[in-house]
Amino acid sequence: MDLFVSEITTPSTPLLFAAATSTTGMSTSSSDSICSSEGSPATSFRFELQDVECHSYPSKSLSGAYSYRPLAVLSGHIGSVSCLALCGEFILSASQGKDIIVWQQPDLRLFTKFGQGAGSVKALVTVGSKVFTAHQDSRIRVWKVSRRSENVFRLVDTLPTTKDYLGKFMKQSNYVQTRRHHKKLWIEHADSISCLAVYNGLVYSGSWDKTLKVWRISDLKCLESIKAHDDAINALVACKGIVYSASADGKIKAWGKEGRNSHSLKGILEGHKDVSLNSVIVSDDGKWVYGGASDGFVMVWEGSHDFLSWKLVSETKAHQMAVLCMCLTGEFLFSGSADKSIRIWKREAFGKLSKVGVINGHEGPVKCLQASPHNVGGGFMLYSGGLDKSVRVWWVPKQSAVQNTEEKSISLCL
């Protein structure tokens, strides 16, 4: 057992007051947005001790290794946590148990809970005062903050909308073959929707039915359906006008749109043969594309300046089991795995990754990760969701802070 010397302090800055949204390239400015809500409503309540566990900041043991322990363990989901999103002072988490929870910072209280009975939630994104959730029942649901109460979310629509459906169901040319002797409208997904991304007024949805669909946020109309892959689509990310889709067929495909034209294939990033790609993320400048694979590798591609070609520049054996999720903040990359661990990587020159640390604590595979880009006490906040039905909150020191930190543990009780 590691021996820790504890020094009790209080951070000079709040844990998080303004975080980026969950999707690269997405921005919101609506005054009615949940991302810009100020103050804590009287209707919210604090957790009892069994709901939030208090731990310490990462500490340096006598052996020289850093031990990461969660600042908080948020329980309350009735199923495995499948996705997370950061939106201002809020954290949104959703589960296979059909429930969506909004947690409010800095004290991580349960702000509200919604979505029960709407089908297992696979992905979510936020746009202004709206939340888009993707479900196992092949539908996208649109929720909006109620004008009567800030902590009430009401279902305002389901995609495809009734208007969109009625405008197309009479015409046979609008139907596509999904299975033998079975057809659906091209605006409908035929299997679970596994991922969502938002960019430039559009929502993108990827499904196990192998298609990528494009929805316009303003009127919720389906604009395109693309037969994107030869197997299930597992992840999406949008950056610099390019949408990347990662698939169980072992490929990441890059899709671009010029003017009012439809999206077209710009490039194919090949992973290992017969190995599923479960996650894809892109650096802020769009130059580096990272893919997380089922064989435990994180693969890195470098894109050209015009985003018309990509080359594989690095392969890192990150985990002994499948990489299920990744996220980026600054020079750091985080990978979550079926081996129950989170690994911290520093992005080096030429696409190389060097391991900085390992975070253990989840009692099941780590399914989703989000990191705040804002500095908190010489580090930043990391949020993880797992199949153990918990959301865990971590403080991670930046590399410079790690090097200068003495043997101490900073305690924080939320």
Protein backbone atom coordinates (compact mmCIF):
# COMPACT_ATOMS: atom_id res chain seq x y z
CA MET A 1 0.00 0.00 0.00
CA ASP A 2 1.32 3.46 -0.95
CA LEU A 3 1.99 5.91 1.87
CA PHE A 4 0.70 9.45 1.33
CA VAL A 5 1.58 12.69 3.09
CA SER A 6 -1.56 14.83 3.05
CA GLU A 7 -1.76 18.62 2.79
CA ILE A 8 -5.27 20.04 2.89
CA THR A 9 -5.99 23.01 0.62
CA THR A 10 -8.94 24.46 -1.25
CA PRO A 11 -8.74 25.12 -5.00
CA SER A 12 -8.76 28.82 -5.87
CA THR A 13 -10.99 28.25 -8.91
CA PRO A 14 -14.29 26.41 -9.28
CA LEU A 15 -14.16 22.91 -10.71
CA LEU A 16 -15.84 23.96 -13.93
CA PHE A 17 -17.92 26.93 -14.93
CA ALA A 18 -17.66 26.99 -18.73
CA ALA A 19 -16.84 23.80 -20.57
CA ALA A 20 -16.82 23.11 -24.26
CA THR A 21 -19.74 21.18 -25.68
CA SER A 22 -19.43 17.52 -26.44
CA THR A 23 -18.75 17.85 -30.15
CA THR A 24 -15.77 19.41 -31.91
CA GLY A 25 -16.73 22.42 -33.98
CA MET A 26 -20.01 22.97 -32.13
CA SER A 27 -20.86 26.32 -30.56
CA THR A 28 -23.93 27.77 -28.91
CA SER A 29 -24.92 31.32 -28.13
CA SER A 30 -28.63 31.07 -27.33
CA SER A 31 -29.73 33.01 -24.28
CA ASP A 32 -32.16 30.16 -23.60
CA SER A 33 -29.36 27.64 -23.50
CA ILE A 34 -28.76 25.23 -20.64
CA CYS A 35 -25.09 25.94 -21.29
CA SER A 36 -25.45 29.53 -20.14
CA SER A 37 -27.66 29.02 -17.13
CA GLU A 38 -26.61 31.05 -14.09
CA GLY A 39 -27.12 30.21 -10.45
CA SER A 40 -28.57 27.17 -8.76
CA PRO A 41 -32.33 26.75 -8.83
CA ALA A 42 -34.15 26.13 -5.59
CA THR A 43 -35.60 22.93 -6.98
CA SER A 44 -32.24 21.16 -7.24
CA PHE A 45 -30.93 19.14 -4.32
CA ARG A 46 -27.67 17.81 -2.94
CA PHE A 47 -26.57 14.21 -2.86
CA GLU A 48 -26.55 12.14 0.23
CA LEU A 49 -23.19 10.68 1.21
CA GLN A 50 -23.91 7.36 -0.47
CA ASP A 51 -24.32 9.12 -3.84
CA VAL A 52 -21.10 11.15 -3.90
CA GLU A 53 -17.90 9.73 -2.50
CA CYS A 54 -15.09 12.16 -1.61
CA HIS A 55 -11.49 11.29 -2.36
CA SER A 56 -8.18 13.02 -2.92
CA TYR A 57 -6.25 14.56 -5.76
CA PRO A 58 -3.60 12.39 -7.43
CA SER A 59 -0.73 11.82 -5.05
CA LYS A 60 2.87 10.82 -5.40
CA SER A 61 3.74 7.73 -3.43
CA LEU A 62 7.13 6.87 -1.98
CA SER A 63 7.68 4.66 -5.01
CA GLY A 64 7.44 7.71 -7.28
CA ALA A 65 4.23 6.69 -9.06
CA TYR A 66 1.10 8.83 -9.07
CA SER A 67 -2.13 7.35 -7.79
CA TYR A 68 -5.33 8.78 -9.25
CA ARG A 69 -8.49 8.62 -7.18
CA PRO A 70 -11.87 10.07 -8.17
CA LEU A 71 -12.96 13.36 -6.67
CA ALA A 72 -16.49 12.02 -6.87
CA VAL A 73 -18.37 8.87 -7.85
CA LEU A 74 -21.83 9.82 -9.14
CA SER A 75 -24.38 7.04 -8.87
CA GLY A 76 -28.02 7.18 -9.87
CA HIS A 77 -28.18 5.54 -13.28
CA ILE A 78 -30.15 2.30 -13.52
CA GLY A 79 -28.05 1.01 -16.41
CA SER A 80 -24.54 1.17 -17.85
CA VAL A 81 -23.42 4.74 -18.57
CA SER A 82 -23.16 4.99 -22.35
CA CYS A 83 -22.36 8.65 -23.07
CA LEU A 84 -21.37 11.99 -21.54
CA ALA A 85 -21.54 15.62 -22.63
CA LEU A 86 -20.20 18.82 -21.08
CA CYS A 87 -22.28 21.96 -21.40
CA GLY A 88 -21.26 25.01 -19.40
CA GLU A 89 -21.68 24.28 -15.71
CA PHE A 90 -23.54 21.06 -16.45
CA ILE A 91 -22.55 17.45 -17.09
CA LEU A 92 -25.06 15.29 -18.94
CA SER A 93 -24.85 11.52 -18.65
CA ALA A 94 -27.08 8.90 -20.24
CA SER A 95 -27.39 5.17 -19.79
CA GLN A 96 -28.58 1.92 -21.25
CA GLY A 97 -31.29 2.14 -18.59
CA LYS A 98 -33.06 4.83 -20.66
CA ASP A 99 -32.38 7.65 -18.19
CA ILE A 100 -30.54 10.95 -18.70
CA ILE A 101 -29.15 12.84 -15.72
CA VAL A 102 -28.02 16.47 -15.63
CA TRP A 103 -25.41 17.15 -12.91
CA GLN A 104 -24.62 20.70 -11.87
CA GLN A 105 -21.15 21.90 -10.98
CA PRO A 106 -19.24 22.83 -8.95
CA ASP A 107 -20.77 20.65 -6.23
CA LEU A 108 -21.99 17.92 -8.63
CA ARG A 109 -25.58 17.95 -7.44
CA LEU A 110 -28.33 16.25 -9.43
CA PHE A 111 -29.97 19.12 -11.31
CA THR A 112 -32.63 17.09 -13.10
CA LYS A 113 -33.38 13.70 -14.61
CA PHE A 114 -35.36 12.94 -17.76
CA GLY A 115 -35.84 10.52 -20.63
CA GLN A 116 -37.11 7.51 -18.75
CA GLY A 117 -38.91 5.02 -20.98
CA ALA A 118 -37.66 6.52 -24.24
CA GLY A 119 -35.42 3.61 -25.22
CA SER A 120 -31.82 2.81 -24.30
CA VAL A 121 -29.69 5.93 -24.89
CA LYS A 122 -26.59 5.41 -27.04
CA ALA A 123 -25.39 8.99 -27.63
CA LEU A 124 -26.23 12.62 -26.89
CA VAL A 125 -25.23 16.12 -27.98
CA THR A 126 -26.39 19.59 -26.91
CA VAL A 127 -27.26 22.57 -29.11
CA GLY A 128 -28.41 25.73 -27.37
CA SER A 129 -31.42 24.88 -25.22
CA LYS A 130 -31.90 21.55 -27.01
CA VAL A 131 -30.55 18.09 -26.30
CA PHE A 132 -30.44 15.46 -29.06
CA THR A 133 -30.38 11.85 -27.87
CA ALA A 134 -29.83 8.75 -30.02
CA HIS A 135 -31.55 5.52 -29.03
CA GLN A 136 -31.45 1.80 -29.54
CA ASP A 137 -34.95 1.94 -31.04
CA SER A 138 -33.50 3.69 -34.13
CA ARG A 139 -34.88 7.12 -33.23
CA ILE A 140 -33.37 10.48 -32.34
CA ARG A 141 -35.27 12.42 -29.69
CA VAL A 142 -35.13 16.17 -29.26
CA TRP A 143 -35.54 17.64 -25.78
CA LYS A 144 -35.83 21.27 -24.79
CA VAL A 145 -35.57 23.15 -21.53
CA SER A 146 -39.04 24.09 -20.37
CA ARG A 147 -39.71 27.84 -20.18
CA ARG A 148 -41.70 27.28 -17.00
CA SER A 149 -38.95 25.53 -15.09
CA GLU A 150 -35.21 25.43 -15.80
CA ASN A 151 -34.80 21.89 -14.52
CA VAL A 152 -37.56 20.34 -16.61
CA PHE A 153 -36.76 18.91 -20.04
CA ARG A 154 -39.68 18.14 -22.31
CA LEU A 155 -39.71 16.00 -25.43
CA VAL A 156 -40.40 18.30 -28.39
CA ASP A 157 -39.85 15.99 -31.36
CA THR A 158 -38.65 12.63 -32.62
CA LEU A 159 -36.58 12.15 -35.76
CA PRO A 160 -37.62 11.58 -38.41
CA THR A 161 -40.42 14.03 -37.69
CA THR A 162 -44.04 13.29 -38.53
CA LYS A 163 -43.95 16.09 -41.13
CA ASP A 164 -40.88 14.58 -42.79
CA TYR A 165 -42.43 11.12 -42.74
CA LEU A 166 -45.78 12.22 -44.21
CA GLY A 167 -44.02 14.07 -47.00
CA LYS A 168 -42.28 10.92 -48.20
CA PHE A 169 -44.20 7.76 -47.29
CA MET A 170 -46.51 7.82 -50.34
CA LYS A 171 -43.71 7.66 -52.89
CA GLN A 172 -42.18 4.23 -53.51
CA SER A 173 -38.85 5.70 -54.63
CA ASN A 174 -38.32 6.96 -51.07
CA TYR A 175 -38.08 3.40 -49.74
CA VAL A 176 -34.84 1.43 -49.47
CA GLN A 177 -34.21 -2.25 -48.84
CA THR A 178 -32.97 -2.75 -45.28
CA ARG A 179 -33.35 -6.52 -44.94
CA ARG A 180 -34.77 -9.28 -47.07
CA HIS A 181 -38.45 -8.57 -47.68
CA HIS A 182 -38.25 -5.44 -45.54
CA LYS A 183 -38.12 -1.79 -46.62
CA LYS A 184 -37.94 1.54 -44.82
CA LEU A 185 -38.00 5.18 -45.83
CA TRP A 186 -34.48 6.45 -46.52
CA ILE A 187 -34.92 9.02 -43.74
CA GLU A 188 -35.29 6.23 -41.15
CA HIS A 189 -32.49 4.32 -39.48
CA ALA A 190 -33.02 0.56 -39.57
CA ASP A 191 -30.98 -0.30 -36.47
CA SER A 192 -29.60 1.25 -33.28
CA ILE A 193 -28.19 4.77 -33.61
CA SER A 194 -24.77 4.55 -32.00
CA CYS A 195 -23.34 8.08 -32.31
CA LEU A 196 -24.10 11.74 -32.99
CA ALA A 197 -22.06 14.76 -34.02
CA VAL A 198 -22.93 18.43 -34.55
CA TYR A 199 -21.34 20.89 -36.96
CA ASN A 200 -22.40 24.09 -38.69
CA GLY A 201 -26.15 23.78 -38.15
CA LEU A 202 -26.30 20.07 -38.89
CA VAL A 203 -26.66 16.95 -36.76
CA TYR A 204 -25.00 13.76 -38.03
CA SER A 205 -26.15 10.31 -36.91
CA GLY A 206 -24.30 7.02 -37.35
CA SER A 207 -26.00 3.66 -36.97
CA TRP A 208 -25.47 -0.04 -36.81
CA ASP A 209 -27.40 -0.09 -40.11
CA LYS A 210 -24.13 1.17 -41.70
CA THR A 211 -25.59 4.53 -42.76
CA LEU A 212 -24.70 8.12 -41.94
CA LYS A 213 -27.64 10.54 -41.95
CA VAL A 214 -27.60 14.33 -42.00
CA TRP A 215 -30.28 16.41 -40.24
CA ARG A 216 -30.83 20.17 -40.39
CA ILE A 217 -31.20 21.63 -36.89
CA SER A 218 -33.44 24.55 -37.88
CA ASP A 219 -36.36 22.42 -39.09
CA LEU A 220 -35.18 18.90 -38.06
CA LYS A 221 -35.43 17.69 -41.65
CA CYS A 222 -33.35 14.76 -42.89
CA LEU A 223 -31.24 16.03 -45.79
CA GLU A 224 -29.08 13.03 -46.68
CA SER A 225 -28.63 9.33 -46.07
CA ILE A 226 -25.22 7.93 -46.96
CA LYS A 227 -24.36 4.23 -47.25
CA ALA A 228 -21.12 4.91 -45.45
CA HIS A 229 -19.62 1.58 -44.34
CA ASP A 230 -19.69 -2.19 -44.75
CA ASP A 231 -20.39 -2.71 -41.04
CA ALA A 232 -21.79 -0.84 -38.04
CA ILE A 233 -20.78 2.78 -37.48
CA ASN A 234 -19.42 3.17 -33.95
CA ALA A 235 -18.31 6.79 -33.67
CA LEU A 236 -18.52 10.21 -35.34
CA VAL A 237 -16.62 13.47 -34.99
CA ALA A 238 -16.71 16.70 -37.02
CA CYS A 239 -13.90 19.22 -37.44
CA LYS A 240 -12.92 21.88 -39.97
CA GLY A 241 -15.74 20.95 -42.34
CA ILE A 242 -14.87 17.23 -42.36
CA VAL A 243 -16.99 14.52 -40.69
CA TYR A 244 -15.16 11.34 -39.69
CA SER A 245 -16.99 8.04 -39.20
CA ALA A 246 -15.37 5.05 -37.48
CA SER A 247 -16.74 1.59 -38.15
CA ALA A 248 -16.56 -2.05 -37.22
CA ASP A 249 -15.33 -2.62 -40.79
CA GLY A 250 -11.92 -1.33 -39.61
CA LYS A 251 -12.05 1.97 -41.48
CA ILE A 252 -12.43 5.64 -40.67
CA LYS A 253 -13.99 7.55 -43.55
CA ALA A 254 -13.78 11.30 -44.07
CA TRP A 255 -16.79 13.12 -45.53
CA GLY A 256 -16.81 16.68 -46.84
CA LYS A 257 -19.42 19.10 -48.12
CA GLU A 258 -18.90 21.99 -50.49
CA GLY A 259 -21.56 24.67 -50.68
CA ARG A 260 -25.04 23.26 -51.09
CA ASN A 261 -23.79 19.98 -52.54
CA SER A 262 -24.28 16.67 -50.78
CA HIS A 263 -21.53 15.16 -48.68
CA SER A 264 -18.93 13.18 -50.58
CA LEU A 265 -16.17 10.78 -49.56
CA LYS A 266 -12.84 12.60 -49.17
CA GLY A 267 -10.66 9.79 -47.87
CA ILE A 268 -10.43 6.39 -46.19
CA LEU A 269 -8.18 5.81 -43.19
CA GLU A 270 -7.39 2.10 -42.99
CA GLY A 271 -7.02 0.42 -39.61
CA HIS A 272 -5.87 -3.12 -38.85
CA LYS A 273 -7.46 -5.84 -40.94
CA ASP A 274 -10.64 -7.33 -39.43
CA VAL A 275 -10.34 -5.13 -36.32
CA SER A 276 -13.21 -2.83 -35.36
CA LEU A 277 -12.56 0.88 -34.86
CA ASN A 278 -14.66 1.96 -31.88
CA SER A 279 -13.70 5.59 -31.42
CA VAL A 280 -12.43 8.54 -33.45
CA ILE A 281 -11.28 12.00 -32.32
CA VAL A 282 -9.55 14.87 -34.11
CA SER A 283 -7.15 17.57 -32.92
CA ASP A 284 -8.50 21.13 -32.82
CA ASP A 285 -6.49 22.13 -35.87
CA GLY A 286 -7.82 19.13 -37.81
CA LYS A 287 -4.32 17.86 -38.57
CA TRP A 288 -4.32 14.70 -36.45
CA VAL A 289 -6.94 11.93 -36.47
CA TYR A 290 -6.92 9.30 -33.71
CA GLY A 291 -8.69 5.94 -33.93
CA GLY A 292 -9.27 3.54 -31.04
CA ALA A 293 -9.42 -0.13 -32.01
CA SER A 294 -10.71 -3.39 -30.59
CA ASP A 295 -7.19 -4.85 -30.49
CA GLY A 296 -6.13 -2.21 -27.95
CA PHE A 297 -4.27 0.03 -30.38
CA VAL A 298 -4.58 3.78 -30.80
CA MET A 299 -3.75 4.71 -34.39
CA VAL A 300 -2.78 8.19 -35.55
CA TRP A 301 -3.17 9.66 -39.03
CA GLU A 302 -1.75 12.97 -40.23
CA GLY A 303 -3.92 14.98 -42.59
CA SER A 304 -2.74 17.21 -45.41
CA HIS A 305 -3.27 20.97 -45.20
CA ASP A 306 -6.23 20.77 -47.60
CA PHE A 307 -7.80 17.77 -45.80
CA LEU A 308 -7.78 15.71 -48.96
CA SER A 309 -5.34 12.99 -47.90
CA TRP A 310 -4.23 11.25 -44.71
CA LYS A 311 -1.32 8.98 -43.84
CA LEU A 312 -0.84 6.61 -40.91
CA VAL A 313 2.06 7.92 -38.81
CA SER A 314 1.79 6.11 -35.47
CA GLU A 315 0.42 2.96 -33.82
CA THR A 316 0.48 2.58 -30.03
CA LYS A 317 -0.54 -0.51 -28.07
CA ALA A 318 -2.56 1.43 -25.53
CA HIS A 319 -4.49 -1.34 -23.76
CA GLN A 320 -4.58 -5.11 -23.46
CA MET A 321 -8.26 -5.06 -24.36
CA ALA A 322 -10.44 -2.99 -26.72
CA VAL A 323 -10.22 0.80 -26.74
CA LEU A 324 -13.85 1.92 -26.33
CA CYS A 325 -13.53 5.70 -26.08
CA MET A 326 -11.09 8.60 -26.29
CA CYS A 327 -10.99 12.34 -25.71
CA LEU A 328 -8.50 15.18 -26.19
CA THR A 329 -7.65 18.32 -24.28
CA GLY A 330 -4.63 20.36 -25.26
CA GLU A 331 -1.55 18.17 -25.49
CA PHE A 332 -3.18 15.24 -23.68
CA LEU A 333 -5.14 12.29 -25.03
CA PHE A 334 -7.17 9.94 -22.82
CA SER A 335 -8.21 6.42 -23.76
CA GLY A 336 -10.81 4.28 -22.00
CA SER A 337 -10.90 0.53 -22.38
CA ALA A 338 -12.72 -2.71 -21.78
CA ASP A 339 -9.86 -3.48 -19.36
CA LYS A 340 -11.54 -0.98 -16.92
CA SER A 341 -8.65 1.51 -17.08
CA ILE A 342 -8.10 5.01 -18.43
CA ARG A 343 -4.68 5.84 -19.83
CA ILE A 344 -3.21 9.31 -20.15
CA TRP A 345 -1.03 10.09 -23.17
CA LYS A 346 1.00 13.13 -24.10
CA ARG A 347 0.91 14.06 -27.78
CA GLU A 348 4.47 14.30 -29.10
CA ALA A 349 5.96 15.36 -32.43
CA PHE A 350 5.14 13.40 -35.59
CA GLY A 351 1.99 11.93 -34.08
CA LYS A 352 3.75 9.91 -31.39
CA LEU A 353 2.11 9.24 -28.03
CA SER A 354 3.95 8.85 -24.74
CA LYS A 355 2.21 7.40 -21.68
CA VAL A 356 1.88 9.77 -18.73
CA GLY A 357 -0.28 7.77 -16.36
CA VAL A 358 -2.96 5.16 -15.74
CA ILE A 359 -6.25 5.76 -13.94
CA ASN A 360 -7.95 2.79 -12.31
CA GLY A 361 -11.16 2.71 -10.35
CA HIS A 362 -14.02 1.70 -12.56
CA GLU A 363 -15.44 -1.73 -11.81
CA GLY A 364 -16.38 -2.32 -15.43
CA PRO A 365 -15.32 -1.27 -18.95
CA VAL A 366 -14.94 2.48 -19.48
CA LYS A 367 -17.47 3.46 -22.14
CA CYS A 368 -17.19 7.25 -22.41
CA LEU A 369 -14.82 10.11 -21.57
CA GLN A 370 -15.00 13.90 -21.55
CA ALA A 371 -12.31 16.38 -20.47
CA SER A 372 -12.67 20.06 -19.61
CA PRO A 373 -10.22 22.37 -21.40
CA HIS A 374 -10.22 24.84 -18.51
CA ASN A 375 -7.35 25.07 -16.06
CA VAL A 376 -8.19 24.05 -12.50
CA GLY A 377 -5.37 24.31 -9.97
CA GLY A 378 -2.63 23.45 -12.45
CA GLY A 379 -4.61 20.63 -14.04
CA PHE A 380 -8.00 19.86 -15.53
CA MET A 381 -11.13 17.82 -14.91
CA LEU A 382 -11.77 14.44 -16.52
CA TYR A 383 -15.15 12.71 -16.50
CA SER A 384 -15.66 9.01 -17.20
CA GLY A 385 -18.68 6.74 -17.50
CA GLY A 386 -18.62 2.97 -17.29
CA LEU A 387 -20.57 -0.23 -17.45
CA ASP A 388 -20.47 -0.19 -13.63
CA LYS A 389 -23.32 2.39 -13.86
CA SER A 390 -21.18 5.18 -12.40
CA VAL A 391 -19.86 8.54 -13.55
CA ARG A 392 -16.48 9.37 -12.03
CA VAL A 393 -14.84 12.78 -11.77
CA TRP A 394 -11.04 13.06 -11.77
CA TRP A 395 -8.54 15.88 -11.42
CA VAL A 396 -5.50 15.37 -13.66
CA PRO A 397 -2.38 17.55 -13.24
CA LYS A 398 -0.68 18.86 -16.34
CA GLN A 399 2.73 17.38 -17.00
CA SER A 400 4.54 20.47 -15.73
CA ALA A 401 2.48 20.35 -12.55
CA VAL A 402 3.26 16.67 -12.09
CA GLN A 403 6.97 17.29 -12.39
CA ASN A 404 6.91 20.11 -9.83
CA THR A 405 4.52 18.51 -7.37
CA GLU A 406 6.05 17.33 -4.10
CA GLU A 407 4.95 14.25 -2.25
CA LYS A 408 1.55 15.42 -1.12
CA SER A 409 -2.13 14.75 -1.46
CA ILE A 410 -4.64 17.57 -1.77
CA SER A 411 -7.95 16.55 -0.26
CA LEU A 412 -11.24 17.76 -1.68
CA CYS A 413 -14.67 17.04 -0.23
CA LEU A 414 -17.53 17.96 -2.51
